[in-house]
N, C-alpha and C. Protein backbone atom coordinates (compact mmCIF):
# COMPACT_ATOMS: atom_id res chain seq x y z
N MET A 1 122.83 122.45 94.58
CA MET A 1 122.70 122.62 96.01
C MET A 1 124.03 123.12 96.58
N LYS A 2 123.94 124.01 97.48
CA LYS A 2 125.13 124.56 98.10
C LYS A 2 125.85 123.46 98.89
N GLY A 3 127.16 123.41 98.75
CA GLY A 3 127.96 122.46 99.51
C GLY A 3 128.31 121.19 98.76
N LEU A 4 127.69 120.95 97.60
CA LEU A 4 128.04 119.77 96.83
C LEU A 4 129.36 120.00 96.11
N ALA A 5 130.23 119.01 96.16
CA ALA A 5 131.55 119.14 95.55
C ALA A 5 131.47 119.09 94.03
N THR A 6 130.60 118.25 93.49
CA THR A 6 130.47 118.13 92.04
C THR A 6 128.99 118.13 91.66
N LYS A 7 128.73 118.48 90.43
CA LYS A 7 127.36 118.46 89.92
C LYS A 7 127.09 117.10 89.29
N LEU A 8 125.88 116.62 89.45
CA LEU A 8 125.47 115.37 88.83
C LEU A 8 125.04 115.66 87.40
N ARG A 9 125.87 115.20 86.44
CA ARG A 9 125.58 115.42 85.03
C ARG A 9 124.96 114.19 84.38
N SER A 10 125.27 113.01 84.93
CA SER A 10 124.68 111.78 84.40
C SER A 10 124.58 110.76 85.54
N PHE A 11 123.61 109.87 85.39
CA PHE A 11 123.35 108.85 86.41
C PHE A 11 122.85 107.60 85.71
N LYS A 12 123.50 106.47 85.98
CA LYS A 12 123.07 105.17 85.44
C LYS A 12 123.00 104.18 86.58
N GLU A 13 121.99 103.33 86.54
CA GLU A 13 121.83 102.31 87.58
C GLU A 13 121.54 100.98 86.90
N ALA A 14 122.31 99.95 87.24
CA ALA A 14 122.13 98.61 86.67
C ALA A 14 121.87 97.63 87.79
N SER A 15 120.91 96.73 87.58
CA SER A 15 120.57 95.73 88.59
C SER A 15 121.62 94.62 88.60
N LEU A 16 122.06 94.26 89.80
CA LEU A 16 123.00 93.14 89.98
C LEU A 16 122.32 91.96 90.67
N GLY A 17 121.11 92.14 91.13
CA GLY A 17 120.38 91.08 91.80
C GLY A 17 119.13 91.64 92.46
N CYS A 18 118.14 90.77 92.62
CA CYS A 18 116.89 91.22 93.22
C CYS A 18 116.23 90.05 93.94
N ASN A 19 115.64 90.33 95.09
CA ASN A 19 114.92 89.32 95.86
C ASN A 19 113.63 89.96 96.34
N ILE A 20 112.50 89.32 96.04
CA ILE A 20 111.21 89.85 96.45
C ILE A 20 110.48 88.79 97.27
N ARG A 21 110.02 89.18 98.44
CA ARG A 21 109.26 88.28 99.33
C ARG A 21 107.86 88.86 99.47
N ILE A 22 106.84 88.03 99.17
CA ILE A 22 105.45 88.48 99.22
C ILE A 22 104.67 87.63 100.21
N PHE A 23 103.85 88.30 101.00
CA PHE A 23 102.91 87.63 101.88
C PHE A 23 101.61 88.42 101.83
N GLY A 24 100.59 87.82 101.22
CA GLY A 24 99.31 88.51 101.10
C GLY A 24 99.44 89.81 100.31
N SER A 25 99.12 90.90 100.96
CA SER A 25 99.15 92.20 100.28
C SER A 25 100.36 93.05 100.69
N ILE A 26 101.39 92.41 101.26
CA ILE A 26 102.62 93.13 101.60
C ILE A 26 103.82 92.43 100.95
N ALA A 27 104.85 93.21 100.67
CA ALA A 27 106.05 92.65 100.05
C ALA A 27 107.27 93.47 100.46
N ILE A 28 108.41 92.77 100.47
CA ILE A 28 109.71 93.41 100.69
C ILE A 28 110.54 93.12 99.45
N ALA A 29 111.12 94.15 98.87
CA ALA A 29 112.00 93.99 97.71
C ALA A 29 113.40 94.45 98.10
N VAL A 30 114.39 93.61 97.79
CA VAL A 30 115.80 93.95 98.03
C VAL A 30 116.48 93.95 96.66
N ALA A 31 117.02 95.10 96.28
CA ALA A 31 117.65 95.22 94.97
C ALA A 31 119.11 95.66 95.14
N VAL A 32 120.01 94.92 94.51
CA VAL A 32 121.43 95.27 94.51
C VAL A 32 121.71 95.98 93.19
N CYS A 33 122.36 97.13 93.26
CA CYS A 33 122.57 97.96 92.07
C CYS A 33 124.01 98.42 91.95
N GLN A 34 124.42 98.61 90.71
CA GLN A 34 125.67 99.31 90.43
C GLN A 34 125.30 100.68 89.90
N ILE A 35 125.87 101.71 90.50
CA ILE A 35 125.53 103.08 90.18
C ILE A 35 126.74 103.76 89.55
N THR A 36 126.53 104.42 88.42
CA THR A 36 127.59 105.19 87.77
C THR A 36 127.14 106.65 87.71
N GLU A 37 127.93 107.51 88.34
CA GLU A 37 127.64 108.94 88.35
C GLU A 37 128.68 109.68 87.52
N ASN A 38 128.21 110.58 86.68
CA ASN A 38 129.08 111.41 85.85
C ASN A 38 130.05 110.59 85.01
N GLU A 39 129.60 109.40 84.58
CA GLU A 39 130.39 108.53 83.70
C GLU A 39 131.68 108.00 84.32
N THR A 40 132.00 108.37 85.57
CA THR A 40 133.28 107.97 86.14
C THR A 40 133.16 107.29 87.51
N GLN A 41 132.37 107.82 88.39
CA GLN A 41 132.29 107.29 89.76
C GLN A 41 131.35 106.10 89.80
N VAL A 42 131.89 104.89 90.08
CA VAL A 42 131.09 103.67 90.11
C VAL A 42 131.05 103.15 91.54
N THR A 43 129.83 102.92 92.03
CA THR A 43 129.63 102.35 93.36
C THR A 43 128.56 101.27 93.27
N ARG A 44 128.47 100.46 94.32
CA ARG A 44 127.40 99.48 94.41
C ARG A 44 126.62 99.75 95.69
N GLY A 45 125.36 99.40 95.66
CA GLY A 45 124.54 99.62 96.84
C GLY A 45 123.35 98.70 96.87
N ILE A 46 122.62 98.77 97.98
CA ILE A 46 121.41 97.98 98.17
C ILE A 46 120.25 98.92 98.45
N GLU A 47 119.13 98.68 97.77
CA GLU A 47 117.89 99.40 98.02
C GLU A 47 116.89 98.40 98.59
N MET A 48 116.18 98.81 99.62
CA MET A 48 115.13 97.97 100.20
C MET A 48 113.83 98.75 100.18
N MET A 49 112.77 98.08 99.70
CA MET A 49 111.48 98.73 99.57
C MET A 49 110.39 97.90 100.23
N LEU A 50 109.51 98.58 100.93
CA LEU A 50 108.32 97.97 101.50
C LEU A 50 107.16 98.35 100.58
N LEU A 51 106.44 97.34 100.11
CA LEU A 51 105.33 97.57 99.20
C LEU A 51 104.02 97.06 99.79
N VAL A 52 102.93 97.70 99.41
CA VAL A 52 101.60 97.29 99.82
C VAL A 52 100.72 97.24 98.58
N LYS A 53 99.91 96.17 98.48
CA LYS A 53 99.01 96.04 97.34
C LYS A 53 97.63 96.55 97.73
N THR A 54 97.16 97.55 97.00
CA THR A 54 95.82 98.09 97.20
C THR A 54 95.17 98.27 95.83
N ASP A 55 93.91 97.92 95.74
CA ASP A 55 93.18 98.06 94.48
C ASP A 55 93.93 97.42 93.31
N SER A 56 94.47 96.23 93.52
CA SER A 56 95.19 95.47 92.49
C SER A 56 96.47 96.14 92.00
N ARG A 57 97.03 97.07 92.79
CA ARG A 57 98.26 97.78 92.41
C ARG A 57 99.26 97.74 93.55
N TRP A 58 100.53 97.44 93.22
CA TRP A 58 101.59 97.50 94.22
C TRP A 58 102.10 98.93 94.32
N GLN A 59 102.25 99.42 95.55
CA GLN A 59 102.77 100.76 95.76
C GLN A 59 103.91 100.72 96.77
N ILE A 60 104.96 101.49 96.52
CA ILE A 60 106.07 101.61 97.47
C ILE A 60 105.63 102.54 98.58
N VAL A 61 105.68 102.04 99.82
CA VAL A 61 105.31 102.88 100.96
C VAL A 61 106.53 103.33 101.76
N SER A 62 107.65 102.65 101.55
CA SER A 62 108.88 103.02 102.24
C SER A 62 110.07 102.52 101.44
N GLN A 63 111.14 103.30 101.44
CA GLN A 63 112.34 102.91 100.71
C GLN A 63 113.56 103.44 101.45
N ALA A 64 114.60 102.60 101.50
CA ALA A 64 115.86 103.00 102.11
C ALA A 64 116.99 102.37 101.31
N TRP A 65 118.17 102.98 101.35
CA TRP A 65 119.31 102.44 100.61
C TRP A 65 120.60 102.80 101.33
N ASP A 66 121.64 102.04 100.99
CA ASP A 66 122.97 102.31 101.52
C ASP A 66 123.98 101.87 100.48
N THR A 67 125.17 102.44 100.56
CA THR A 67 126.23 102.17 99.60
C THR A 67 127.28 101.26 100.22
N GLU A 68 127.77 100.34 99.43
CA GLU A 68 128.81 99.40 99.85
C GLU A 68 130.12 100.13 100.11
N ASP A 69 130.87 99.67 101.11
CA ASP A 69 132.25 100.12 101.31
C ASP A 69 133.03 98.96 101.94
N GLU A 70 134.28 99.18 102.25
CA GLU A 70 135.13 98.11 102.77
C GLU A 70 134.59 97.50 104.06
N SER A 71 133.95 98.31 104.89
CA SER A 71 133.45 97.81 106.17
C SER A 71 132.10 97.11 106.04
N LYS A 72 131.41 97.29 104.93
CA LYS A 72 130.12 96.63 104.72
C LYS A 72 129.95 96.22 103.25
N PRO A 73 130.59 95.09 102.88
CA PRO A 73 130.45 94.59 101.51
C PRO A 73 129.05 93.99 101.30
N ILE A 74 128.62 93.98 100.06
CA ILE A 74 127.33 93.38 99.73
C ILE A 74 127.43 91.87 99.89
N PRO A 75 126.49 91.26 100.63
CA PRO A 75 126.51 89.79 100.81
C PRO A 75 126.40 89.06 99.47
N ALA A 76 127.20 88.03 99.29
CA ALA A 76 127.23 87.28 98.03
C ALA A 76 125.88 86.69 97.67
N ASP A 77 125.07 86.30 98.66
CA ASP A 77 123.79 85.68 98.35
C ASP A 77 122.78 86.67 97.75
N LEU A 78 123.05 87.96 97.79
CA LEU A 78 122.16 88.95 97.19
C LEU A 78 122.54 89.28 95.75
N LEU A 79 123.74 88.90 95.33
CA LEU A 79 124.18 89.17 93.97
C LEU A 79 123.64 88.10 93.01
N ASP A 80 123.25 88.49 91.83
CA ASP A 80 122.76 87.58 90.79
C ASP A 80 121.61 86.71 91.26
N SER A 81 120.72 87.27 92.06
CA SER A 81 119.58 86.49 92.54
C SER A 81 118.28 86.84 91.82
N GLU A 82 118.40 87.39 90.61
CA GLU A 82 117.20 87.78 89.85
C GLU A 82 116.48 86.54 89.37
């Protein structure tokens, strides 16, 4: 893509914690991840997903994520909550 400073040659994502809340046929999943890009750049972030169960299958209907930085550290209660 035009304007990107570097090309993505590799991508790894490891779970650092997960919390899932279910009520009936709806669920919210919060996943804390460590992301490694191009074998060198390591960041942490949170992904949040809204899921709906239809026909005995869970499906993601919405997803959003953000990356940790000094002004918004990942809350300790979300780490290692698998």
